[in-house]
C-alpha atoms as a PDB file:
ATOM      1  CA  MET A   1      93.549  24.652  81.848  1.00  0.00           C
ATOM      2  CA  ALA A   2      95.120  26.701  79.044  1.00  0.00           C
ATOM      3  CA  GLY A   3      92.744  28.590  76.784  1.00  0.00           C
ATOM      4  CA  LEU A   4      92.608  28.527  73.008  1.00  0.00           C
ATOM      5  CA  ARG A   5      95.328  30.359  71.132  1.00  0.00           C
ATOM      6  CA  TYR A   6      94.264  33.982  70.554  1.00  0.00           C
ATOM      7  CA  GLU A   7      90.851  33.110  71.992  1.00  0.00           C
ATOM      8  CA  ALA A   8      89.583  36.676  72.433  1.00  0.00           C
ATOM      9  CA  LEU A   9      90.826  37.787  69.007  1.00  0.00           C
ATOM     10  CA  THR A  10      89.258  34.728  67.379  1.00  0.00           C
ATOM     11  CA  ARG A  11      85.936  35.483  69.072  1.00  0.00           C
ATOM     12  CA  GLU A  12      86.042  39.005  67.635  1.00  0.00           C
ATOM     13  CA  LEU A  13      86.780  37.674  64.156  1.00  0.00           C
ATOM     14  CA  ARG A  14      84.010  35.097  64.331  1.00  0.00           C
ATOM     15  CA  GLY A  15      81.559  37.855  65.184  1.00  0.00           C
ATOM     16  CA  ALA A  16      82.652  39.860  62.132  1.00  0.00           C
ATOM     17  CA  ILE A  17      82.460  36.811  59.859  1.00  0.00           C
ATOM     18  CA  PHE A  18      78.936  35.931  61.014  1.00  0.00           C
ATOM     19  CA  LYS A  19      77.822  39.562  60.633  1.00  0.00           C
ATOM     20  CA  VAL A  20      79.014  39.614  56.995  1.00  0.00           C
ATOM     21  CA  ARG A  21      77.189  36.394  56.178  1.00  0.00           C
ATOM     22  CA  ASN A  22      74.016  37.376  58.017  1.00  0.00           C
ATOM     23  CA  GLU A  23      73.780  40.749  56.294  1.00  0.00           C
ATOM     24  CA  LEU A  24      74.781  39.593  52.803  1.00  0.00           C
ATOM     25  CA  GLY A  25      73.073  36.222  52.890  1.00  0.00           C
ATOM     26  CA  GLY A  26      74.231  33.211  50.912  1.00  0.00           C
ATOM     27  CA  GLY A  27      75.069  32.762  47.237  1.00  0.00           C
ATOM     28  CA  TRP A  28      77.713  35.447  46.698  1.00  0.00           C
ATOM     29  CA  SER A  29      81.204  34.977  45.306  1.00  0.00           C
ATOM     30  CA  GLU A  30      84.282  34.643  47.483  1.00  0.00           C
ATOM     31  CA  GLU A  31      85.463  38.098  46.367  1.00  0.00           C
ATOM     32  CA  ILE A  32      82.257  39.784  47.558  1.00  0.00           C
ATOM     33  CA  TYR A  33      82.492  38.187  50.988  1.00  0.00           C
ATOM     34  CA  HIS A  34      86.185  39.103  51.048  1.00  0.00           C
ATOM     35  CA  GLN A  35      85.559  42.785  50.330  1.00  0.00           C
ATOM     36  CA  ALA A  36      82.706  42.992  52.836  1.00  0.00           C
ATOM     37  CA  LEU A  37      84.810  41.395  55.589  1.00  0.00           C
ATOM     38  CA  VAL A  38      87.834  43.609  54.912  1.00  0.00           C
ATOM     39  CA  THR A  39      85.592  46.690  54.985  1.00  0.00           C
ATOM     40  CA  LEU A  40      84.025  45.642  58.296  1.00  0.00           C
ATOM     41  CA  LEU A  41      87.401  44.843  59.901  1.00  0.00           C
ATOM     42  CA  ASN A  42      88.728  48.254  58.856  1.00  0.00           C
ATOM     43  CA  GLU A  43      85.613  49.935  60.233  1.00  0.00           C
ATOM     44  CA  ARG A  44      86.305  48.226  63.543  1.00  0.00           C
ATOM     45  CA  GLU A  45      89.923  49.428  63.380  1.00  0.00           C
ATOM     46  CA  ILE A  46      91.305  45.911  63.371  1.00  0.00           C
ATOM     47  CA  PRO A  47      94.782  45.939  61.723  1.00  0.00           C
ATOM     48  CA  THR A  48      94.086  44.176  58.432  1.00  0.00           C
ATOM     49  CA  LYS A  49      96.145  43.256  55.376  1.00  0.00           C
ATOM     50  CA  SER A  50      94.283  42.057  52.302  1.00  0.00           C
ATOM     51  CA  LYS A  51      95.933  39.767  49.734  1.00  0.00           C
ATOM     52  CA  THR A  52      99.481  40.671  50.694  1.00  0.00           C
ATOM     53  CA  ARG A  53     101.866  39.202  48.107  1.00  0.00           C
ATOM     54  CA  ARG A  54     105.329  38.091  49.147  1.00  0.00           C
ATOM     55  CA  SER A  55     107.903  36.157  47.161  1.00  0.00           C
ATOM     56  CA  PHE A  56     109.785  33.144  48.454  1.00  0.00           C
ATOM     57  CA  VAL A  57     113.348  33.489  47.163  1.00  0.00           C
ATOM     58  CA  TYR A  58     116.149  30.951  47.410  1.00  0.00           C
ATOM     59  CA  ARG A  59     119.694  31.640  46.245  1.00  0.00           C
ATOM     60  CA  GLY A  60     118.420  34.715  44.410  1.00  0.00           C
ATOM     61  CA  ILE A  61     115.700  32.846  42.499  1.00  0.00           C
ATOM     62  CA  GLU A  62     111.967  33.187  43.142  1.00  0.00           C
ATOM     63  CA  LEU A  63     110.409  29.847  44.060  1.00  0.00           C
ATOM     64  CA  HIS A  64     106.856  30.894  44.776  1.00  0.00           C
ATOM     65  CA  THR A  65     104.590  33.845  45.555  1.00  0.00           C
ATOM     66  CA  PHE A  66     102.348  33.565  48.600  1.00  0.00           C
ATOM     67  CA  GLU A  67      99.129  35.572  48.824  1.00  0.00           C
ATOM     68  CA  PRO A  68      96.875  34.826  51.812  1.00  0.00           C
ATOM     69  CA  ASP A  69      93.402  36.297  51.735  1.00  0.00           C
ATOM     70  CA  ILE A  70      93.533  38.303  54.959  1.00  0.00           C
ATOM     71  CA  VAL A  71      96.064  38.763  57.759  1.00  0.00           C
ATOM     72  CA  VAL A  72      94.851  40.441  60.963  1.00  0.00           C
ATOM     73  CA  TRP A  73      96.930  41.839  63.805  1.00  0.00           C
ATOM     74  CA  ASP A  74      99.929  40.284  61.994  1.00  0.00           C
ATOM     75  CA  LYS A  75      98.964  37.164  63.944  1.00  0.00           C
ATOM     76  CA  ILE A  76      96.034  35.367  62.338  1.00  0.00           C
ATOM     77  CA  ILE A  77      95.547  34.368  58.701  1.00  0.00           C
ATOM     78  CA  LEU A  78      92.043  34.023  57.242  1.00  0.00           C
ATOM     79  CA  GLU A  79      91.482  31.963  54.123  1.00  0.00           C
ATOM     80  CA  LEU A  80      88.007  32.457  52.696  1.00  0.00           C
ATOM     81  CA  LYS A  81      86.139  29.894  50.620  1.00  0.00           C
ATOM     82  CA  VAL A  82      82.756  29.457  48.979  1.00  0.00           C
ATOM     83  CA  LEU A  83      82.221  25.695  48.868  1.00  0.00           C
ATOM     84  CA  PRO A  84      78.512  24.977  48.352  1.00  0.00           C
ATOM     85  CA  TYR A  85      78.969  21.272  47.586  1.00  0.00           C
ATOM     86  CA  GLN A  86      81.515  20.312  50.239  1.00  0.00           C
ATOM     87  CA  LYS A  87      80.573  19.419  53.791  1.00  0.00           C
ATOM     88  CA  ASP A  88      84.143  19.658  55.044  1.00  0.00           C
ATOM     89  CA  PHE A  89      87.326  21.404  53.962  1.00  0.00           C
ATOM     90  CA  ALA A  90      89.593  19.295  51.749  1.00  0.00           C
ATOM     91  CA  ASN A  91      93.153  18.321  52.622  1.00  0.00           C
ATOM     92  CA  GLY A  92      94.363  20.850  50.056  1.00  0.00           C
ATOM     93  CA  HIS A  93      92.659  23.678  51.941  1.00  0.00           C
ATOM     94  CA  TYR A  94      94.433  22.745  55.174  1.00  0.00           C
ATOM     95  CA  ALA A  95      97.742  22.405  53.325  1.00  0.00           C
ATOM     96  CA  GLN A  96      97.282  25.831  51.713  1.00  0.00           C
ATOM     97  CA  ILE A  97      96.777  27.683  54.983  1.00  0.00           C
ATOM     98  CA  ILE A  98      99.637  25.774  56.632  1.00  0.00           C
ATOM     99  CA  HIS A  99     101.936  26.951  53.819  1.00  0.00           C
ATOM    100  CA  TYR A 100     100.855  30.535  54.526  1.00  0.00           C
ATOM    101  CA  LEU A 101     101.272  30.187  58.290  1.00  0.00           C
ATOM    102  CA  LYS A 102     104.743  28.745  57.883  1.00  0.00           C
ATOM    103  CA  PHE A 103     105.944  31.333  55.377  1.00  0.00           C
ATOM    104  CA  PHE A 104     104.510  34.372  57.206  1.00  0.00           C
ATOM    105  CA  GLU A 105     105.599  32.950  60.578  1.00  0.00           C
ATOM    106  CA  ASN A 106     102.098  33.048  62.043  1.00  0.00           C
ATOM    107  CA  HIS A 107     100.656  30.375  64.300  1.00  0.00           C
ATOM    108  CA  LEU A 108      96.893  30.448  63.813  1.00  0.00           C
ATOM    109  CA  GLY A 109      94.755  30.356  60.709  1.00  0.00           C
ATOM    110  CA  LEU A 110      91.009  30.303  60.144  1.00  0.00           C
ATOM    111  CA  LEU A 111      89.466  28.492  57.207  1.00  0.00           C
ATOM    112  CA  VAL A 112      86.071  30.031  56.453  1.00  0.00           C
ATOM    113  CA  ASN A 113      83.347  28.592  54.213  1.00  0.00           C
ATOM    114  CA  PHE A 114      80.662  31.193  53.524  1.00  0.00           C
ATOM    115  CA  ALA A 115      78.574  28.750  51.469  1.00  0.00           C
ATOM    116  CA  ALA A 116      77.689  26.448  54.363  1.00  0.00           C
ATOM    117  CA  PRO A 117      74.108  26.786  55.725  1.00  0.00           C
ATOM    118  CA  ARG A 118      75.769  28.242  58.810  1.00  0.00           C
ATOM    119  CA  VAL A 119      79.212  29.715  58.183  1.00  0.00           C
ATOM    120  CA  LYS A 120      81.821  27.032  58.829  1.00  0.00           C
ATOM    121  CA  ILE A 121      85.019  28.190  60.565  1.00  0.00           C
ATOM    122  CA  LYS A 122      87.917  25.838  61.226  1.00  0.00           C
ATOM    123  CA  ARG A 123      90.940  26.741  63.364  1.00  0.00           C
ATOM    124  CA  VAL A 124      94.308  25.609  61.995  1.00  0.00           C
ATOM    125  CA  LEU A 125      97.355  25.726  64.245  1.00  0.00           C
ATOM    126  CA  TRP A 126     100.967  25.749  63.101  1.00  0.00           C
ATOM    127  CA  ASP A 127     104.095  25.499  65.208  1.00  0.00           C
ATOM    128  CA  THR A 128     107.594  25.012  63.858  1.00  0.00           C
ATOM    129  CA  THR A 129     109.106  22.077  65.706  1.00  0.00           C
ATOM    130  CA  PRO A 130     112.296  20.032  65.224  1.00  0.00           C
ATOM    131  CA  PHE A 131     111.697  17.176  62.802  1.00  0.00           C
ATOM    132  CA  GLU A 132     112.901  13.599  62.792  1.00  0.00           C
ATOM    133  CA  LYS A 133     114.865  12.030  59.953  1.00  0.00           C
ATOM    134  CA  THR A 134     114.350   8.522  58.544  1.00  0.00           C
ATOM    135  CA  GLU A 135     116.586   7.043  55.849  1.00  0.00           C
ATOM    136  CA  SER A 136     116.566   3.599  54.216  1.00  0.00           C
ATOM    137  CA  TYR A 137     119.012   2.563  51.497  1.00  0.00           C
ATOM    138  CA  ASP A 138     118.794  -1.219  51.956  1.00  0.00           C
ATOM    139  CA  HIS A 139     117.282  -1.825  48.515  1.00  0.00           C
ATOM    140  CA  ILE A 140     120.024  -0.003  46.607  1.00  0.00           C
ATOM    141  CA  GLN A 141     123.167  -0.941  48.576  1.00  0.00           C
ATOM    142  CA  SER A 142     124.143  -3.805  46.275  1.00  0.00           C
ATOM    143  CA  HIS A 143     123.713  -1.589  43.201  1.00  0.00           C
ATOM    144  CA  LEU A 144     126.129   1.138  44.311  1.00  0.00           C
ATOM    145  CA  ALA A 145     129.535   1.585  42.719  1.00  0.00           C
ATOM    146  CA  ALA A 146     132.149   3.865  44.264  1.00  0.00           C
ATOM    147  CA  GLN A 147     131.177   6.728  41.924  1.00  0.00           C
ATOM    148  CA  ASP A 148     127.516   6.281  42.869  1.00  0.00           C
ATOM    149  CA  ARG A 149     128.300   6.513  46.566  1.00  0.00           C
ATOM    150  CA  SER A 150     130.229   9.744  46.057  1.00  0.00           C
ATOM    151  CA  CYS A 151     127.436  11.359  44.035  1.00  0.00           C
ATOM    152  CA  LEU A 152     124.681  10.142  46.349  1.00  0.00           C
ATOM    153  CA  ARG A 153     126.491  11.635  49.320  1.00  0.00           C
ATOM    154  CA  ILE A 154     126.258  15.007  47.573  1.00  0.00           C
ATOM    155  CA  ILE A 155     122.579  14.480  46.713  1.00  0.00           C
ATOM    156  CA  ARG A 156     121.805  13.439  50.273  1.00  0.00           C
ATOM    157  CA  GLN A 157     123.539  16.558  51.568  1.00  0.00           C
ATOM    158  CA  MET A 158     121.487  18.681  49.168  1.00  0.00           C
ATOM    159  CA  ILE A 159     118.301  17.156  50.580  1.00  0.00           C
ATOM    160  CA  LEU A 160     119.454  17.780  54.154  1.00  0.00           C
ATOM    161  CA  THR A 161     120.383  21.369  53.246  1.00  0.00           C
ATOM    162  CA  LEU A 162     116.839  22.045  51.990  1.00  0.00           C
ATOM    163  CA  ALA A 163     115.367  20.417  55.085  1.00  0.00           C
ATOM    164  CA  LYS A 164     117.525  22.626  57.291  1.00  0.00           C
ATOM    165  CA  GLU A 165     116.815  25.803  55.311  1.00  0.00           C
ATOM    166  CA  PHE A 166     113.069  25.290  54.768  1.00  0.00           C
ATOM    167  CA  GLY A 167     111.992  22.796  57.393  1.00  0.00           C
ATOM    168  CA  LEU A 168     108.726  20.951  56.784  1.00  0.00           C
ATOM    169  CA  GLY A 169     105.382  22.394  55.743  1.00  0.00           C
ATOM    170  CA  TYR A 170     105.809  23.677  52.180  1.00  0.00           C
ATOM    171  CA  PRO A 171     104.250  22.278  48.971  1.00  0.00           C
ATOM    172  CA  GLU A 172     106.342  19.766  47.058  1.00  0.00           C
ATOM    173  CA  THR A 173     106.557  22.128  44.073  1.00  0.00           C
ATOM    174  CA  ILE A 174     108.730  24.422  46.208  1.00  0.00           C
ATOM    175  CA  TYR A 175     111.015  21.605  47.304  1.00  0.00           C
ATOM    176  CA  ARG A 176     111.383  20.418  43.695  1.00  0.00           C
ATOM    177  CA  LYS A 177     112.268  23.869  42.407  1.00  0.00           C
ATOM    178  CA  ALA A 178     114.662  24.403  45.300  1.00  0.00           C
ATOM    179  CA  MET A 179     116.314  21.052  44.621  1.00  0.00           C
ATOM    180  CA  ALA A 180     116.978  22.059  41.003  1.00  0.00           C
ATOM    181  CA  ILE A 181     118.542  25.305  42.271  1.00  0.00           C
ATOM    182  CA  GLU A 182     120.598  23.433  44.852  1.00  0.00           C
ATOM    183  CA  ALA A 183     121.757  20.986  42.179  1.00  0.00           C
ATOM    184  CA  ALA A 184     123.011  23.829  39.990  1.00  0.00           C
ATOM    185  CA  HIS A 185     124.757  25.337  43.010  1.00  0.00           C
ATOM    186  CA  ASN A 186     126.552  22.004  43.552  1.00  0.00           C
ATOM    187  CA  HIS A 187     127.373  21.577  39.840  1.00  0.00           C
ATOM    188  CA  ILE A 188     125.004  18.595  39.566  1.00  0.00           C
ATOM    189  CA  ASP A 189     123.128  18.215  36.276  1.00  0.00           C
ATOM    190  CA  CYS A 190     119.367  18.297  36.842  1.00  0.00           C
ATOM    191  CA  ILE A 191     116.604  17.615  34.332  1.00  0.00           C
ATOM    192  CA  CYS A 192     113.049  18.526  35.337  1.00  0.00           C
ATOM    193  CA  ASP A 193     109.797  17.291  33.773  1.00  0.00           C
ATOM    194  CA  ILE A 194     111.267  14.139  32.239  1.00  0.00           C
ATOM    195  CA  GLY A 195     109.492  12.851  29.129  1.00  0.00           C
ATOM    196  CA  LEU A 196     108.858   9.096  28.983  1.00  0.00           C
ATOM    197  CA  GLU A 197     107.645   6.974  26.077  1.00  0.00           C
ATOM    198  CA  ALA A 198     105.043   4.328  26.860  1.00  0.00           C
ATOM    199  CA  LYS A 199     105.390   1.301  24.585  1.00  0.00           C
ATOM    200  CA  TRP A 200     103.190  -1.673  23.791  1.00  0.00           C
ATOM    201  CA  ASN A 201     104.543  -4.586  21.756  1.00  0.00           C
ATOM    202  CA  GLY A 202     107.543  -2.467  20.841  1.00  0.00           C
ATOM    203  CA  LYS A 203     105.480   0.436  19.547  1.00  0.00           C
ATOM    204  CA  THR A 204     105.194   3.847  21.166  1.00  0.00           C
ATOM    205  CA  ILE A 205     101.591   4.422  22.222  1.00  0.00           C
ATOM    206  CA  GLY A 206     102.001   7.670  24.096  1.00  0.00           C
ATOM    207  CA  ARG A 207     104.252  10.081  25.890  1.00  0.00           C
ATOM    208  CA  HIS A 208     104.165  10.839  29.598  1.00  0.00           C
ATOM    209  CA  VAL A 209     105.813  13.719  31.452  1.00  0.00           C
ATOM    210  CA  THR A 210     106.746  13.107  35.082  1.00  0.00           C
ATOM    211  CA  ASN A 211     107.600  15.760  37.642  1.00  0.00           C
ATOM    212  CA  GLN A 212     110.429  13.634  39.029  1.00  0.00           C
ATOM    213  CA  LEU A 213     113.973  14.973  38.735  1.00  0.00           C
ATOM    214  CA  LEU A 214     116.863  13.291  36.930  1.00  0.00           C
ATOM    215  CA  LEU A 215     120.223  14.084  38.521  1.00  0.00           C
ATOM    216  CA  GLN A 216     123.550  13.509  36.767  1.00  0.00           C
ATOM    217  CA  HIS A 217     121.610  11.558  34.093  1.00  0.00           C
ATOM    218  CA  ASP A 218     121.691   8.526  36.415  1.00  0.00           C
ATOM    219  CA  TYR A 219     119.655   9.160  39.562  1.00  0.00           C
ATOM    220  CA  LEU A 220     115.891   9.627  39.686  1.00  0.00           C
ATOM    221  CA  LEU A 221     114.532  11.759  42.524  1.00  0.00           C
ATOM    222  CA  HIS A 222     110.847  11.775  43.477  1.00  0.00           C
ATOM    223  CA  ILE A 223     109.929  14.513  45.961  1.00  0.00           C
ATOM    224  CA  ARG A 224     106.724  14.545  48.022  1.00  0.00           C
ATOM    225  CA  SER A 225     105.631  16.660  50.978  1.00  0.00           C
ATOM    226  CA  MET A 226     103.076  16.981  53.774  1.00  0.00           C
ATOM    227  CA  LEU A 227     102.461  13.228  53.927  1.00  0.00           C
ATOM    228  CA  ASP A 228     102.782  10.807  56.829  1.00  0.00           C
ATOM    229  CA  GLY A 229     104.879   8.791  54.387  1.00  0.00           C
ATOM    230  CA  PRO A 230     105.245   8.197  50.628  1.00  0.00           C
ATOM    231  CA  THR A 231     102.324   6.295  49.151  1.00  0.00           C
ATOM    232  CA  THR A 232     102.449   2.880  47.500  1.00  0.00           C
ATOM    233  CA  HIS A 233     101.875   4.648  44.197  1.00  0.00           C
ATOM    234  CA  ASP A 234     104.974   6.802  44.765  1.00  0.00           C
ATOM    235  CA  PHE A 235     107.129   3.679  44.943  1.00  0.00           C
ATOM    236  CA  ILE A 236     105.361   1.849  42.102  1.00  0.00           C
ATOM    237  CA  SER A 237     105.558   4.797  39.699  1.00  0.00           C
ATOM    238  CA  THR A 238     109.224   5.427  40.547  1.00  0.00           C
ATOM    239  CA  LYS A 239     110.028   1.767  39.803  1.00  0.00           C
ATOM    240  CA  THR A 240     108.193   2.050  36.468  1.00  0.00           C
ATOM    241  CA  TYR A 241     110.107   5.201  35.484  1.00  0.00           C
ATOM    242  CA  LEU A 242     113.446   3.692  36.515  1.00  0.00           C
ATOM    243  CA  LYS A 243     112.766   0.691  34.306  1.00  0.00           C
ATOM    244  CA  ASN A 244     111.606   2.882  31.411  1.00  0.00           C
ATOM    245  CA  LEU A 245     114.748   5.032  31.603  1.00  0.00           C
ATOM    246  CA  GLY A 246     117.100   2.085  32.113  1.00  0.00           C
ATOM    247  CA  LEU A 247     118.280   3.389  35.489  1.00  0.00           C
ATOM    248  CA  ARG A 248     119.500   1.222  38.365  1.00  0.00           C
ATOM    249  CA  PHE A 249     118.038   3.139  41.300  1.00  0.00           C
ATOM    250  CA  GLY A 250     116.509   6.358  42.569  1.00  0.00           C
ATOM    251  CA  LEU A 251     115.341   8.090  45.720  1.00  0.00           C
ATOM    252  CA  VAL A 252     111.860   8.826  47.047  1.00  0.00           C
ATOM    253  CA  VAL A 253     111.953  11.785  49.449  1.00  0.00           C
ATOM    254  CA  ASN A 254     109.121  13.018  51.637  1.00  0.00           C
ATOM    255  CA  PHE A 255     109.327  16.370  53.421  1.00  0.00           C
ATOM    256  CA  GLY A 256     106.512  15.040  55.557  1.00  0.00           C
ATOM    257  CA  LYS A 257     104.259  16.180  58.362  1.00  0.00           C
ATOM    258  CA  LYS A 258     106.734  15.334  61.106  1.00  0.00           C
ATOM    259  CA  GLN A 259     109.630  13.583  59.387  1.00  0.00           C
ATOM    260  CA  LEU A 260     112.097  13.957  56.567  1.00  0.00           C
ATOM    261  CA  GLN A 261     112.085  10.558  54.893  1.00  0.00           C
ATOM    262  CA  ILE A 262     114.526   9.250  52.260  1.00  0.00           C
ATOM    263  CA  PHE A 263     114.109   5.836  50.628  1.00  0.00           C
ATOM    264  CA  GLY A 264     116.298   4.110  48.050  1.00  0.00           C
ATOM    265  CA  VAL A 265     114.318   2.444  45.233  1.00  0.00           C
ATOM    266  CA  THR A 266     115.292   0.009  42.459  1.00  0.00           C
ATOM    267  CA  PRO A 267     113.280  -0.937  39.350  1.00  0.00           C
ATOM    268  CA  ASP A 268     112.880  -4.528  40.562  1.00  0.00           C
END
């Protein structure tokens, strides 16, 4: 039976983590635990990098800066937390360390909660694997004119280009920024952070800004990531925005956990 990934190294790290908590006790800030652990790892001559910052650049433009708490042996990423009121790590914590693992091309991360009665350590594995692709345009087929088909072919290719370049596993903010860059590269107009007016009985009652993208002034693009599939709310909100903007259709795209998913959506 195969052992755990980096089992011996993980055992050594767990010992250091428990030593820090046992000697310091509970109630300290994340930064204090961080500094104590880095000091101990260095004392034990474990190759350690603390808060290494690295930029994610696409077509010469910075998309994001990644800064994991600790990287050891250039193999394992540690993300430290002080979560006194949470029994378990939240989905966002798992997503965060997966983003780091993917970007730094590491395959094991440890989520650590120093605030638990007994330090909580969770192993997070990441492997880059080929992803599947699912596409459904049934709902928009009857709405497509020849010009629409030509433009949507370009937009679809832009989506596939990002999937090929980045794969799955990044936050949706990165995919959205990258899509705007890719649109400019393909001479496609792209408006980010679209402002919508909410009206009641013909009167404007408020203004809402959506993070969906408007391409060529005609096509709404809603990008999600790290989901099994887009949520019901993703489709409902996209329909609402299409109707508000007077658009005939849009796309909901999910750079998901295991699949790239593209769905055509109408306001009806």
